[in-house]
Amino acid sequence: MKKVEAIIRKSKFDDVKKALHDIEVNFFSYWDVTGVGNEKQGHVYRGISYSTSDIQRRYLVIVVSDNFLEKTVNTVLDAAYTGNVGDGKIFVSEVLDAFRIRTRENGYEGIN
């Protein structure tokens, strides 16, 4: 099993959520997070300079079977893409096991 962690624009969350549901990824967790990105310049709006170094994003955690990893990652890449700086990042790591508390099922059955 793999854990896919994605940091995306909040404005793209609904698109990503719908795309994940379309490929039958029906369970994942998410949080609103703030991060610091590579872009150092601020923006000026009506004569007031705003810092863009603190970036509001949404952090998603999705656990999938090994054979579903590529489809899941490609779905997030496609749905979260704008082509602009700050589209986000995806991290993939190994999951040793997963358990469904209610039934005590583990492994692949524990995540589906």
C-alpha atoms as a PDB file:
ATOM      1  CA  MET A   1       0.000   0.000   0.000  1.00  0.00           C
ATOM      2  CA  LYS A   2       1.061   3.569  -0.599  1.00  0.00           C
ATOM      3  CA  LYS A   3       0.261   6.865   1.076  1.00  0.00           C
ATOM      4  CA  VAL A   4      -0.189   9.778  -1.313  1.00  0.00           C
ATOM      5  CA  GLU A   5       0.154  13.187   0.302  1.00  0.00           C
ATOM      6  CA  ALA A   6      -0.822  16.115  -1.899  1.00  0.00           C
ATOM      7  CA  ILE A   7      -0.533  19.822  -1.164  1.00  0.00           C
ATOM      8  CA  ILE A   8      -2.757  21.697  -3.603  1.00  0.00           C
ATOM      9  CA  ARG A   9      -4.364  25.093  -4.150  1.00  0.00           C
ATOM     10  CA  LYS A  10      -7.569  25.493  -2.159  1.00  0.00           C
ATOM     11  CA  SER A  11      -9.262  26.712  -5.347  1.00  0.00           C
ATOM     12  CA  LYS A  12      -8.575  23.338  -7.032  1.00  0.00           C
ATOM     13  CA  PHE A  13      -9.855  21.174  -4.161  1.00  0.00           C
ATOM     14  CA  ASP A  14     -13.353  20.624  -5.577  1.00  0.00           C
ATOM     15  CA  ASP A  15     -11.893  19.603  -8.950  1.00  0.00           C
ATOM     16  CA  VAL A  16      -9.483  17.159  -7.293  1.00  0.00           C
ATOM     17  CA  LYS A  17     -12.197  15.739  -5.027  1.00  0.00           C
ATOM     18  CA  LYS A  18     -14.539  15.138  -7.976  1.00  0.00           C
ATOM     19  CA  ALA A  19     -11.764  13.563 -10.052  1.00  0.00           C
ATOM     20  CA  LEU A  20     -10.836  11.225  -7.192  1.00  0.00           C
ATOM     21  CA  HIS A  21     -14.473  10.198  -6.741  1.00  0.00           C
ATOM     22  CA  ASP A  22     -14.680   9.569 -10.505  1.00  0.00           C
ATOM     23  CA  ILE A  23     -11.875   6.972 -10.233  1.00  0.00           C
ATOM     24  CA  GLU A  24     -13.553   5.522  -7.114  1.00  0.00           C
ATOM     25  CA  VAL A  25     -11.198   6.925  -4.487  1.00  0.00           C
ATOM     26  CA  ASN A  26     -14.012   7.607  -2.049  1.00  0.00           C
ATOM     27  CA  PHE A  27     -12.097   8.044   1.187  1.00  0.00           C
ATOM     28  CA  PHE A  28      -9.320  10.475   1.982  1.00  0.00           C
ATOM     29  CA  SER A  29      -8.530  13.021   4.676  1.00  0.00           C
ATOM     30  CA  TYR A  30      -7.740  16.692   4.176  1.00  0.00           C
ATOM     31  CA  TRP A  31      -6.717  19.747   6.160  1.00  0.00           C
ATOM     32  CA  ASP A  32      -6.319  23.447   5.516  1.00  0.00           C
ATOM     33  CA  VAL A  33      -2.634  24.289   5.887  1.00  0.00           C
ATOM     34  CA  THR A  34      -0.311  27.254   5.478  1.00  0.00           C
ATOM     35  CA  GLY A  35       3.108  26.889   3.950  1.00  0.00           C
ATOM     36  CA  VAL A  36       6.029  28.863   2.660  1.00  0.00           C
ATOM     37  CA  GLY A  37       6.783  28.581  -1.047  1.00  0.00           C
ATOM     38  CA  ASN A  38       9.678  29.434  -3.333  1.00  0.00           C
ATOM     39  CA  GLU A  39       8.184  32.654  -4.678  1.00  0.00           C
ATOM     40  CA  LYS A  40       9.468  35.608  -2.665  1.00  0.00           C
ATOM     41  CA  GLN A  41       7.804  38.579  -4.327  1.00  0.00           C
ATOM     42  CA  GLY A  42       4.607  40.114  -3.002  1.00  0.00           C
ATOM     43  CA  HIS A  43       1.599  41.471  -4.815  1.00  0.00           C
ATOM     44  CA  VAL A  44       0.337  45.053  -4.759  1.00  0.00           C
ATOM     45  CA  TYR A  45      -3.409  45.643  -4.682  1.00  0.00           C
ATOM     46  CA  ARG A  46      -4.772  49.212  -4.546  1.00  0.00           C
ATOM     47  CA  GLY A  47      -1.420  50.514  -3.416  1.00  0.00           C
ATOM     48  CA  ILE A  48      -1.051  48.028  -0.550  1.00  0.00           C
ATOM     49  CA  SER A  49       1.703  45.394  -0.719  1.00  0.00           C
ATOM     50  CA  TYR A  50       0.665  41.889   0.331  1.00  0.00           C
ATOM     51  CA  SER A  51       3.147  39.152   1.179  1.00  0.00           C
ATOM     52  CA  THR A  52       2.711  35.935  -0.769  1.00  0.00           C
ATOM     53  CA  SER A  53       5.313  33.996   1.186  1.00  0.00           C
ATOM     54  CA  ASP A  54       2.620  32.433   3.433  1.00  0.00           C
ATOM     55  CA  ILE A  55       0.456  30.350   1.137  1.00  0.00           C
ATOM     56  CA  GLN A  56      -2.966  28.891   1.977  1.00  0.00           C
ATOM     57  CA  ARG A  57      -3.253  25.338   0.696  1.00  0.00           C
ATOM     58  CA  ARG A  58      -5.178  22.123   1.226  1.00  0.00           C
ATOM     59  CA  TYR A  59      -3.319  18.987   2.351  1.00  0.00           C
ATOM     60  CA  LEU A  60      -4.761  15.625   1.261  1.00  0.00           C
ATOM     61  CA  VAL A  61      -3.813  12.158   2.499  1.00  0.00           C
ATOM     62  CA  ILE A  62      -4.911   9.190   0.397  1.00  0.00           C
ATOM     63  CA  VAL A  63      -3.979   5.546   1.046  1.00  0.00           C
ATOM     64  CA  VAL A  64      -4.268   3.252  -1.980  1.00  0.00           C
ATOM     65  CA  SER A  65      -3.180  -0.205  -3.070  1.00  0.00           C
ATOM     66  CA  ASP A  66       0.107  -0.416  -4.975  1.00  0.00           C
ATOM     67  CA  ASN A  67      -1.606  -1.144  -8.287  1.00  0.00           C
ATOM     68  CA  PHE A  68      -3.817   1.972  -7.930  1.00  0.00           C
ATOM     69  CA  LEU A  69      -0.967   4.386  -7.169  1.00  0.00           C
ATOM     70  CA  GLU A  70      -0.225   5.600 -10.690  1.00  0.00           C
ATOM     71  CA  LYS A  71      -3.901   6.254 -11.487  1.00  0.00           C
ATOM     72  CA  THR A  72      -4.356   8.185  -8.227  1.00  0.00           C
ATOM     73  CA  VAL A  73      -1.236  10.329  -8.679  1.00  0.00           C
ATOM     74  CA  ASN A  74      -2.073  11.105 -12.318  1.00  0.00           C
ATOM     75  CA  THR A  75      -5.613  12.069 -11.349  1.00  0.00           C
ATOM     76  CA  VAL A  76      -4.364  14.557  -8.744  1.00  0.00           C
ATOM     77  CA  LEU A  77      -1.720  15.904 -11.149  1.00  0.00           C
ATOM     78  CA  ASP A  78      -4.327  16.503 -13.864  1.00  0.00           C
ATOM     79  CA  ALA A  79      -7.055  17.950 -11.616  1.00  0.00           C
ATOM     80  CA  ALA A  80      -4.769  20.246  -9.561  1.00  0.00           C
ATOM     81  CA  TYR A  81      -2.825  21.646 -12.534  1.00  0.00           C
ATOM     82  CA  THR A  82      -3.036  25.339 -13.444  1.00  0.00           C
ATOM     83  CA  GLY A  83       0.414  25.756 -14.969  1.00  0.00           C
ATOM     84  CA  ASN A  84       1.294  28.547 -12.555  1.00  0.00           C
ATOM     85  CA  VAL A  85       3.829  28.711  -9.746  1.00  0.00           C
ATOM     86  CA  GLY A  86       2.304  27.241  -6.582  1.00  0.00           C
ATOM     87  CA  ASP A  87       0.311  24.357  -8.046  1.00  0.00           C
ATOM     88  CA  GLY A  88       1.579  22.173  -5.203  1.00  0.00           C
ATOM     89  CA  LYS A  89       3.463  18.971  -4.480  1.00  0.00           C
ATOM     90  CA  ILE A  90       2.752  15.246  -4.216  1.00  0.00           C
ATOM     91  CA  PHE A  91       4.664  12.881  -1.943  1.00  0.00           C
ATOM     92  CA  VAL A  92       4.390   9.082  -2.003  1.00  0.00           C
ATOM     93  CA  SER A  93       5.471   6.810   0.852  1.00  0.00           C
ATOM     94  CA  GLU A  94       5.113   3.171   1.844  1.00  0.00           C
ATOM     95  CA  VAL A  95       2.329   2.056   4.217  1.00  0.00           C
ATOM     96  CA  LEU A  96       3.151  -1.082   6.169  1.00  0.00           C
ATOM     97  CA  ASP A  97      -0.409  -1.911   7.155  1.00  0.00           C
ATOM     98  CA  ALA A  98      -3.896  -0.471   7.570  1.00  0.00           C
ATOM     99  CA  PHE A  99      -6.706  -1.525   9.888  1.00  0.00           C
ATOM    100  CA  ARG A 100     -10.433  -0.896   9.808  1.00  0.00           C
ATOM    101  CA  ILE A 101     -11.318  -0.402  13.464  1.00  0.00           C
ATOM    102  CA  ARG A 102     -14.940  -1.576  13.206  1.00  0.00           C
ATOM    103  CA  THR A 103     -14.204  -4.971  11.603  1.00  0.00           C
ATOM    104  CA  ARG A 104     -10.502  -5.379  12.452  1.00  0.00           C
ATOM    105  CA  GLU A 105      -9.805  -6.077   8.756  1.00  0.00           C
ATOM    106  CA  ASN A 106      -6.306  -5.151   7.723  1.00  0.00           C
ATOM    107  CA  GLY A 107      -4.268  -4.671   4.559  1.00  0.00           C
ATOM    108  CA  TYR A 108      -6.153  -3.990   1.351  1.00  0.00           C
ATOM    109  CA  GLU A 109      -9.502  -4.914   2.981  1.00  0.00           C
ATOM    110  CA  GLY A 110      -8.789  -2.385   5.708  1.00  0.00           C
ATOM    111  CA  ILE A 111      -8.718   0.532   3.278  1.00  0.00           C
ATOM    112  CA  ASN A 112     -11.666  -0.408   1.053  1.00  0.00           C
END
